[in-house]
Protein backbone atom coordinates (compact mmCIF):
# COMPACT_ATOMS: atom_id res chain seq x y z
CA MET A 1 -17.09 51.13 -14.04
CA LEU A 2 -19.51 51.70 -16.94
CA THR A 3 -17.86 55.01 -17.91
CA VAL A 4 -15.57 53.12 -20.32
CA LEU A 5 -18.66 52.30 -22.40
CA ARG A 6 -18.65 55.93 -23.50
CA VAL A 7 -15.72 55.05 -25.75
CA PRO A 8 -17.46 53.94 -29.00
CA ALA A 9 -14.72 51.55 -30.14
CA TYR A 10 -14.63 49.74 -26.81
CA ARG A 11 -18.44 49.60 -26.56
CA LYS A 12 -18.69 47.91 -29.96
CA LEU A 13 -15.88 45.46 -29.21
CA LEU A 14 -17.38 44.52 -25.85
CA THR A 15 -20.70 43.89 -27.58
CA ALA A 16 -18.89 41.75 -30.14
CA GLN A 17 -17.32 39.77 -27.31
CA VAL A 18 -20.68 39.24 -25.59
CA VAL A 19 -22.49 37.98 -28.71
CA ALA A 20 -19.57 35.71 -29.64
CA LEU A 21 -19.59 34.27 -26.10
CA ALA A 22 -23.32 33.68 -26.34
CA GLY A 23 -22.77 31.80 -29.57
CA THR A 24 -20.02 29.74 -27.96
CA GLY A 25 -22.36 28.85 -25.08
CA LEU A 26 -24.99 27.58 -27.51
CA LEU A 27 -22.27 25.59 -29.27
CA THR A 28 -21.31 23.82 -26.03
CA VAL A 29 -24.87 22.62 -25.44
CA ALA A 30 -25.46 21.62 -29.07
CA LEU A 31 -22.14 19.77 -29.25
CA GLY A 32 -23.06 17.66 -26.22
CA LEU A 33 -26.39 16.70 -27.78
CA LEU A 34 -24.75 15.93 -31.13
CA ALA A 35 -22.19 13.70 -29.41
CA PHE A 36 -24.99 11.82 -27.66
CA ASP A 37 -26.79 11.29 -30.97
CA LEU A 38 -23.66 9.85 -32.57
CA ALA A 39 -22.11 7.98 -29.65
CA GLY A 40 -24.90 7.31 -27.15
CA GLY A 41 -23.43 6.24 -23.81
CA GLN A 42 -19.92 7.03 -25.06
CA ALA A 43 -20.78 10.71 -25.52
CA GLY A 44 -18.76 11.62 -22.44
CA ALA A 45 -15.62 10.13 -23.96
CA VAL A 46 -16.28 11.99 -27.22
CA LEU A 47 -16.71 15.30 -25.42
CA GLY A 48 -13.65 14.65 -23.27
CA THR A 49 -11.57 14.15 -26.41
CA ALA A 50 -13.11 17.22 -28.05
CA PHE A 51 -12.31 19.40 -25.03
CA THR A 52 -8.77 18.04 -24.95
CA LEU A 53 -8.40 19.00 -28.61
CA LYS A 54 -9.68 22.46 -27.65
CA MET A 55 -6.88 22.83 -25.11
CA VAL A 56 -4.31 21.53 -27.61
CA ALA A 57 -5.48 24.14 -30.13
CA TYR A 58 -5.26 26.88 -27.51
CA VAL A 59 -1.76 25.87 -26.41
CA PHE A 60 -0.11 25.21 -29.76
CA ALA A 61 -2.20 26.96 -32.44
CA ALA A 62 -2.38 30.31 -30.61
CA PRO A 63 1.36 31.23 -30.74
CA PHE A 64 1.75 29.76 -34.23
CA MET A 65 -1.19 31.71 -35.66
CA SER A 66 -0.12 34.87 -33.84
CA ALA A 67 3.30 34.68 -35.49
CA LEU A 68 1.74 33.85 -38.87
CA VAL A 69 -0.80 36.71 -38.99
CA GLY A 70 0.93 39.22 -36.70
CA HIS A 71 1.90 41.48 -39.60
CA LEU A 72 -1.69 41.72 -40.88
CA PRO A 73 -4.12 44.51 -39.92
CA ARG A 74 -5.79 43.65 -36.62
CA ARG A 75 -9.30 44.26 -37.93
CA ALA A 76 -8.76 41.78 -40.78
CA VAL A 77 -7.47 39.12 -38.36
CA LEU A 78 -10.48 39.50 -36.06
CA ILE A 79 -13.06 39.47 -38.86
CA GLY A 80 -11.36 36.56 -40.61
CA ALA A 81 -11.31 34.46 -37.43
CA ASP A 82 -15.01 35.18 -36.82
CA LEU A 83 -15.94 34.21 -40.37
CA VAL A 84 -14.01 30.94 -40.09
CA ARG A 85 -15.79 30.15 -36.81
CA ALA A 86 -19.18 30.92 -38.36
CA ALA A 87 -18.49 28.66 -41.35
CA ILE A 88 -17.46 25.76 -39.11
CA ALA A 89 -20.55 26.22 -36.92
CA LEU A 90 -22.72 25.99 -40.06
CA ALA A 91 -20.96 22.76 -41.03
CA LEU A 92 -21.54 21.02 -37.68
CA PRO A 93 -25.23 20.11 -38.25
CA TRP A 94 -24.12 17.98 -41.23
CA VAL A 95 -21.68 15.89 -39.20
CA ASP A 96 -22.35 12.14 -39.18
CA SER A 97 -19.06 10.72 -37.83
CA ILE A 98 -17.12 11.19 -34.61
CA TRP A 99 -13.87 12.06 -36.43
CA GLN A 100 -15.65 14.95 -38.13
CA ILE A 101 -16.54 16.41 -34.72
CA TYR A 102 -12.89 16.20 -33.69
CA LEU A 103 -11.66 17.86 -36.88
CA LEU A 104 -14.20 20.70 -36.85
CA VAL A 105 -13.76 21.37 -33.14
CA PHE A 106 -10.00 21.61 -33.58
CA LEU A 107 -10.37 24.01 -36.52
CA LEU A 108 -12.96 26.14 -34.72
CA GLN A 109 -10.87 26.38 -31.56
CA SER A 110 -7.78 27.22 -33.61
CA ALA A 111 -9.76 30.15 -35.03
CA SER A 112 -10.75 31.12 -31.48
CA ALA A 113 -7.09 30.88 -30.45
CA THR A 114 -6.38 33.41 -33.22
CA PHE A 115 -9.26 35.74 -32.35
CA THR A 116 -9.09 35.95 -28.56
CA PRO A 117 -5.46 37.08 -27.99
CA ALA A 118 -5.69 39.55 -30.89
CA PHE A 119 -8.92 40.93 -29.42
CA GLN A 120 -7.41 41.20 -25.93
CA ALA A 121 -4.33 42.99 -27.27
CA VAL A 122 -6.49 45.68 -28.94
CA ILE A 123 -8.24 46.80 -25.73
CA PRO A 124 -5.23 48.45 -23.97
CA VAL A 125 -4.59 50.45 -27.15
CA ILE A 126 -8.17 51.71 -27.23
CA LEU A 127 -8.09 52.45 -23.48
CA PRO A 128 -4.54 53.68 -22.78
CA ARG A 129 -5.30 54.92 -19.24
CA GLU A 130 -4.72 52.15 -16.70
CA ARG A 131 -7.80 53.15 -14.69
CA ASP A 132 -10.03 52.70 -17.76
CA TYR A 133 -8.29 49.49 -18.77
CA THR A 134 -8.85 48.03 -15.29
CA ARG A 135 -12.57 48.66 -15.63
CA ALA A 136 -12.54 47.04 -19.06
CA LEU A 137 -10.92 43.94 -17.55
CA SER A 138 -13.68 43.77 -14.95
CA LEU A 139 -16.37 44.04 -17.61
CA SER A 140 -14.67 41.32 -19.64
CA ARG A 141 -14.60 39.02 -16.62
CA LEU A 142 -18.28 39.74 -15.99
CA ALA A 143 -19.05 38.87 -19.62
CA TYR A 144 -17.41 35.46 -19.23
CA ASP A 145 -19.21 34.77 -15.94
CA LEU A 146 -22.60 35.86 -17.25
CA GLU A 147 -22.12 33.73 -20.35
CA SER A 148 -21.53 30.64 -18.23
CA LEU A 149 -24.75 31.36 -16.32
CA LEU A 150 -27.07 32.60 -19.08
CA SER A 151 -26.07 30.61 -22.18
CA PRO A 152 -27.41 27.29 -20.81
CA LEU A 153 -30.68 29.04 -19.95
CA LEU A 154 -30.90 30.53 -23.45
CA ALA A 155 -30.16 27.12 -24.97
CA ALA A 156 -32.84 25.49 -22.82
CA ALA A 157 -35.40 28.08 -23.92
CA LEU A 158 -34.54 27.63 -27.60
CA LEU A 159 -34.74 23.85 -27.32
CA LEU A 160 -38.40 24.20 -26.35
CA ILE A 161 -39.20 25.44 -29.86
CA VAL A 162 -36.38 24.19 -32.16
CA SER A 163 -34.17 21.11 -32.50
CA TYR A 164 -30.64 21.18 -31.14
CA SER A 165 -29.14 21.40 -34.65
CA ASN A 166 -30.63 24.90 -34.89
CA LEU A 167 -28.44 25.94 -31.97
CA PHE A 168 -25.50 25.75 -34.36
CA LEU A 169 -27.27 28.40 -36.45
CA GLY A 170 -27.43 30.58 -33.35
CA THR A 171 -23.69 30.00 -32.86
CA ALA A 172 -22.97 31.07 -36.44
CA ALA A 173 -25.21 34.14 -36.04
CA GLY A 174 -23.23 35.16 -32.93
CA PHE A 175 -19.91 34.96 -34.78
CA LEU A 176 -21.29 36.79 -37.83
CA LEU A 177 -22.66 39.59 -35.65
CA SER A 178 -19.32 39.79 -33.88
CA ALA A 179 -17.57 40.15 -37.26
CA ALA A 180 -20.02 42.89 -38.29
CA LEU A 181 -19.40 44.83 -35.06
CA VAL A 182 -15.62 44.59 -35.50
CA ALA A 183 -15.99 45.78 -39.11
CA ALA A 184 -18.00 48.79 -37.87
CA THR A 185 -15.38 49.69 -35.25
CA ARG A 186 -12.76 52.33 -35.96
CA LEU A 187 -9.59 50.89 -34.46
CA PRO A 188 -6.51 53.02 -33.71
CA ARG A 189 -3.45 52.38 -35.82
CA ILE A 190 -1.55 49.50 -34.23
CA PRO A 191 2.04 48.85 -35.39
CA PRO A 192 2.32 45.35 -36.81
CA ALA A 193 4.40 42.76 -35.04
CA ASP A 194 8.08 42.83 -35.93
CA PRO A 195 8.45 40.47 -38.92
CA ALA A 196 12.17 40.00 -38.24
CA GLY A 197 13.40 36.56 -37.33
CA SER A 198 12.22 33.08 -38.20
CA LEU A 199 8.69 31.79 -37.65
CA LEU A 200 9.96 29.84 -34.63
CA HIS A 201 11.54 33.01 -33.22
CA ARG A 202 8.26 34.92 -33.55
CA THR A 203 6.20 31.99 -32.25
CA THR A 204 8.22 31.78 -29.00
CA LEU A 205 8.75 35.51 -28.46
CA GLY A 206 5.91 35.97 -25.97
CA THR A 207 6.92 32.93 -23.93
CA ARG A 208 10.54 34.10 -23.77
CA ILE A 209 9.46 37.50 -22.48
CA PHE A 210 7.18 35.78 -19.94
CA LEU A 211 10.09 33.82 -18.53
CA ARG A 212 12.25 36.93 -18.12
CA VAL A 213 9.85 39.38 -16.44
CA ALA A 214 9.21 38.75 -12.72
CA PRO A 215 5.48 39.68 -12.58
CA LEU A 216 4.78 37.52 -15.64
CA ARG A 217 6.63 34.59 -14.11
CA GLY A 218 4.43 35.05 -11.04
CA LEU A 219 1.34 35.19 -13.24
CA LEU A 220 2.36 31.94 -14.92
CA ALA A 221 2.62 30.22 -11.54
CA LEU A 222 -0.75 31.62 -10.46
CA ASP A 223 -2.29 30.35 -13.72
CA LEU A 224 -1.65 26.85 -12.35
CA ALA A 225 -3.61 27.73 -9.19
CA VAL A 226 -6.50 29.09 -11.27
CA ALA A 227 -6.52 25.98 -13.45
CA ALA A 228 -6.59 23.73 -10.35
CA GLY A 229 -9.60 25.49 -8.83
CA THR A 230 -11.49 25.91 -12.09
CA ALA A 231 -10.94 22.34 -13.29
CA TYR A 232 -12.12 20.84 -10.01
CA VAL A 233 -15.33 22.88 -10.08
CA LEU A 234 -16.15 22.33 -13.76
CA VAL A 235 -15.34 18.62 -13.82
CA ASN A 236 -16.64 17.44 -10.45
CA THR A 237 -19.59 19.67 -9.49
CA VAL A 238 -22.10 17.38 -11.19
CA VAL A 239 -20.61 14.36 -9.38
CA HIS A 240 -20.73 16.09 -6.00
CA VAL A 241 -24.28 17.32 -6.37
CA ARG A 242 -25.86 14.20 -7.89
CA GLU A 243 -23.90 11.42 -6.16
CA VAL A 244 -22.32 12.84 -3.00
CA PHE A 245 -25.17 15.13 -1.91
CA ASP A 246 -27.91 13.24 -3.81
CA ARG A 247 -29.52 16.42 -5.08
CA SER A 248 -31.17 17.48 -8.37
CA ASN A 249 -29.95 18.84 -11.70
CA THR A 250 -31.28 22.24 -10.61
CA ASP A 251 -28.85 22.14 -7.70
CA VAL A 252 -25.99 21.49 -10.12
CA ALA A 253 -26.87 24.78 -11.79
CA LEU A 254 -27.16 26.46 -8.37
CA ALA A 255 -23.69 25.29 -7.33
CA LEU A 256 -22.15 26.55 -10.57
CA ALA A 257 -24.06 29.82 -10.16
CA CYS A 258 -22.48 30.27 -6.72
CA TYR A 259 -19.04 29.81 -8.25
CA GLY A 260 -19.90 32.39 -10.92
CA ALA A 261 -21.36 34.75 -8.32
CA GLY A 262 -18.13 34.70 -6.31
CA SER A 263 -16.20 35.54 -9.45
CA MET A 264 -18.58 38.35 -10.44
CA ILE A 265 -18.48 39.97 -7.00
CA VAL A 266 -14.68 40.23 -7.23
CA ALA A 267 -14.86 41.47 -10.83
CA LEU A 268 -17.23 44.26 -9.77
CA ALA A 269 -15.06 45.19 -6.81
CA ALA A 270 -11.71 44.91 -8.63
CA PRO A 271 -11.43 48.52 -9.87
CA ARG A 272 -11.87 49.92 -6.35
CA LEU A 273 -9.63 47.24 -4.83
CA LEU A 274 -6.86 47.94 -7.32
CA ASP A 275 -7.06 51.66 -6.55
CA ARG A 276 -6.05 50.76 -2.98
CA THR A 277 -3.73 47.78 -3.35
CA SER A 278 -1.22 46.38 -5.83
CA ASP A 279 -1.90 43.73 -8.43
CA ARG A 280 0.55 41.46 -6.61
CA SER A 281 -1.29 41.70 -3.28
CA LEU A 282 -4.72 41.03 -4.77
CA MET A 283 -3.55 38.19 -6.99
CA LEU A 284 -1.56 36.47 -4.24
CA THR A 285 -4.58 36.77 -1.95
CA GLY A 286 -6.58 34.86 -4.55
CA GLY A 287 -3.83 32.26 -4.73
CA ILE A 288 -3.83 31.90 -0.94
CA LEU A 289 -7.60 31.29 -0.90
CA LEU A 290 -7.61 28.44 -3.40
CA PRO A 291 -5.62 25.64 -1.64
CA PRO A 292 -7.58 25.73 1.66
CA GLY A 293 -10.81 26.04 -0.33
CA LEU A 294 -10.00 22.86 -2.24
CA ALA A 295 -8.82 21.12 0.93
CA ALA A 296 -12.12 22.04 2.61
CA ALA A 297 -13.96 20.58 -0.39
CA ALA A 298 -12.02 17.34 0.13
CA LEU A 299 -13.05 17.22 3.79
CA LEU A 300 -16.67 18.06 3.01
CA THR A 301 -17.06 15.44 0.27
CA TRP A 302 -15.40 12.85 2.53
CA THR A 303 -17.68 13.51 5.51
CA GLU A 304 -20.75 13.44 3.25
CA GLN A 305 -19.85 9.89 2.25
CA LEU A 306 -19.77 8.69 5.88
CA PRO A 307 -22.78 6.69 7.12
CA VAL A 308 -23.81 9.70 9.22
CA PRO A 309 -22.84 13.13 7.77
CA LEU A 310 -21.44 15.59 10.31
CA THR A 311 -24.12 18.23 9.75
CA ASP A 312 -27.28 18.96 7.78
CA HIS A 313 -25.82 22.34 6.84
CA SER A 314 -23.05 20.86 4.69
CA TRP A 315 -24.90 21.75 1.47
CA LEU A 316 -24.88 25.44 2.39
CA LEU A 317 -21.21 25.17 3.31
CA TYR A 318 -20.54 23.58 -0.07
CA LEU A 319 -22.23 26.48 -1.88
CA GLY A 320 -20.18 28.91 0.18
CA LEU A 321 -16.97 27.10 -0.73
CA TRP A 322 -17.84 27.30 -4.43
CA GLY A 323 -18.37 31.05 -4.04
CA LEU A 324 -14.96 31.29 -2.33
CA LEU A 325 -13.25 29.38 -5.14
CA GLY A 326 -14.91 31.64 -7.72
CA ALA A 327 -13.69 34.72 -5.84
CA GLY A 328 -10.15 33.35 -5.58
CA THR A 329 -9.86 32.61 -9.29
CA SER A 330 -11.26 36.04 -10.20
CA MET A 331 -8.74 37.79 -7.92
CA ILE A 332 -6.03 36.31 -10.11
CA SER A 333 -7.64 36.42 -13.54
CA THR A 334 -9.19 39.90 -13.50
CA PRO A 335 -5.99 41.97 -12.97
CA SER A 336 -3.77 39.76 -15.12
CA GLY A 337 -4.18 41.92 -18.23
CA ARG A 338 -2.65 44.87 -16.33
CA LEU A 339 0.62 42.96 -15.97
CA LEU A 340 0.67 42.17 -19.68
CA ARG A 341 -0.11 45.76 -20.58
CA ARG A 342 2.81 47.11 -18.54
CA ALA A 343 5.29 44.56 -19.84
CA ALA A 344 4.40 45.04 -23.51
CA THR A 345 5.65 47.35 -26.21
CA ASP A 346 3.63 48.12 -29.31
CA ARG A 347 5.41 45.37 -31.22
CA THR A 348 5.32 42.71 -28.51
CA ARG A 349 1.80 43.28 -27.13
CA ASN A 350 0.10 40.67 -29.30
CA SER A 351 2.86 38.13 -28.60
CA LEU A 352 2.47 38.61 -24.84
CA PHE A 353 -1.30 38.30 -24.84
CA THR A 354 -0.99 35.21 -27.03
CA ALA A 355 1.59 33.68 -24.68
CA GLN A 356 -0.70 34.24 -21.70
CA PHE A 357 -3.60 32.66 -23.57
CA SER A 358 -1.50 29.65 -24.55
CA LEU A 359 0.39 29.11 -21.27
CA SER A 360 -2.67 29.52 -19.05
CA HIS A 361 -4.56 26.89 -21.04
CA ALA A 362 -1.54 24.58 -20.93
CA CYS A 363 -2.13 24.36 -17.17
CA PHE A 364 -5.56 22.86 -17.85
CA ILE A 365 -3.95 19.97 -19.71
CA ILE A 366 -2.60 19.01 -16.27
CA THR A 367 -5.58 19.87 -14.08
CA TYR A 368 -8.49 18.59 -16.18
CA PRO A 369 -7.20 15.00 -16.24
CA ALA A 370 -6.25 15.24 -12.56
CA ALA A 371 -9.75 16.37 -11.62
CA GLY A 372 -11.49 13.71 -13.70
CA TRP A 373 -9.25 10.66 -13.60
CA ILE A 374 -8.22 10.88 -9.94
CA GLY A 375 -11.80 11.56 -8.91
CA ALA A 376 -12.98 8.47 -10.79
CA ALA A 377 -10.15 6.20 -9.65
CA ALA A 378 -9.50 7.29 -6.05
CA GLY A 379 -12.56 9.35 -5.08
CA GLN A 380 -13.50 13.01 -4.92
CA PRO A 381 -11.55 13.82 -1.72
CA ALA A 382 -8.33 12.53 -3.29
CA ALA A 383 -8.87 14.63 -6.43
CA ALA A 384 -9.52 17.73 -4.34
CA LEU A 385 -6.34 17.18 -2.29
CA VAL A 386 -4.19 16.70 -5.39
CA LEU A 387 -5.57 19.89 -6.92
CA ALA A 388 -5.14 21.71 -3.60
CA ALA A 389 -1.47 20.70 -3.72
CA LEU A 390 -1.16 22.00 -7.30
CA ALA A 391 -2.81 25.28 -6.32
CA ALA A 392 -0.47 25.61 -3.33
CA ALA A 393 2.55 24.92 -5.55
CA GLY A 394 1.39 27.63 -7.96
CA THR A 395 0.91 30.17 -5.16
CA VAL A 396 4.25 29.42 -3.50
CA GLY A 397 5.91 29.59 -6.90
CA ALA A 398 4.36 33.02 -7.51
CA VAL A 399 5.67 34.33 -4.17
CA LEU A 400 9.19 33.14 -5.04
CA LEU A 401 9.17 34.18 -8.69
CA TRP A 402 7.51 37.57 -8.16
CA PRO A 403 9.31 39.41 -5.34
CA ARG A 404 7.69 42.50 -3.88
CA VAL A 405 10.27 44.74 -5.57
CA ALA A 406 11.44 43.27 -8.87
CA ARG A 407 14.45 44.49 -10.83
CA PRO A 408 13.70 45.49 -14.45
CA ALA A 409 14.52 42.78 -16.94
CA PRO A 410 17.26 43.70 -19.42
CA PRO A 411 16.33 43.72 -23.12
CA ILE A 412 16.44 40.41 -24.92
CA ALA A 413 19.72 40.24 -26.78
CA GLY A 414 19.55 40.98 -30.47
CA SER A 415 16.34 43.01 -30.71
CA ALA A 416 15.56 46.33 -29.10
CA ALA A 417 11.92 45.89 -30.04
CA GLU A 418 11.66 43.02 -27.58
CA GLY A 419 12.51 45.07 -24.52
CA THR A 420 9.93 45.01 -21.72
CA ARG A 421 8.98 47.11 -18.75
CA ASP A 422 8.56 45.51 -15.36
CA GLY A 423 5.24 45.82 -13.54
CA ARG A 424 4.41 45.96 -9.88
């Protein structure tokens, strides 16, 4: 899998991604501590609003910014987004009001919503062979999983010697280093997006292609399943571990590590798996794993709240379930870029990657509140069952929307540049 690192442009861009992710991880920790300083016991509500604004930026700012800057050179877009993120990170230590957090978080995440799809759309151009691109997708997934595991540890180590406000400096340094690496990368010539049509036409182009190509419709349905599993784990793990199982903060980290480990195992195995099976088979397998995994979590959290738990081994079973959920989400997320790559033309590639970024995060606007509000109002088993139902709906929808043999979609009327190729 590491053979793709021999390509200098990809090696530099992957390094840029890793350092930017590390900076984002530091930002998450520092933002929580800043919210506590400003809001005390209401810090959770502040962070909840900030994360909702993050999703809103991802859903609405991503397609708008893609249409707005699509005609610009890709290197300039990436560097500009990194510089904006660095400037906002440097402004955060000076915040003294809650509304300022909301404003800066929205602006920073809007810049991220500009950077990430543009970055993702560059990789298949640098690595045109599907075999190489598949390995790049696995490495990208590993980078995200490792960031979720290592960034909190890095933040904890830094907090032993500096105040939390200095973590924002680390965030800015990560974005600046990312910009420098992009500037030092020789990118292939990428045709700009077609400037024809209104801003609204260009903003909705990727979504319209998504709705017309069978594999992408299936991916959209599976995005709901991924959002259901991910939201339940991220929102409710701390509640399960501390209240249901009555265990320590260290065990919270252990449970999340098991989820990340399941994802990483699949990411490492994905290139070999995809040499032997289709994207559809692997992704639907992931979708099939998620609903029973969430239903089992509902049963486990319910039995643990009985006067006499069924077994003393339930904690180990819980860790295993989290590993299963991580594996299921990775089976869907890791190959998804292959579907986008096949469906795209040079002029629609950025629009498609932006649409996937936006639509997949739109699913979290449904699943995050479901995981948190239902869990608080009706209990953890009820939240798990609702999310299991959403995951099942997404998987069934994918089976129906993505038949085993799909007919090619005809070109979108009025623009030959918007034609797409169907994927398997």
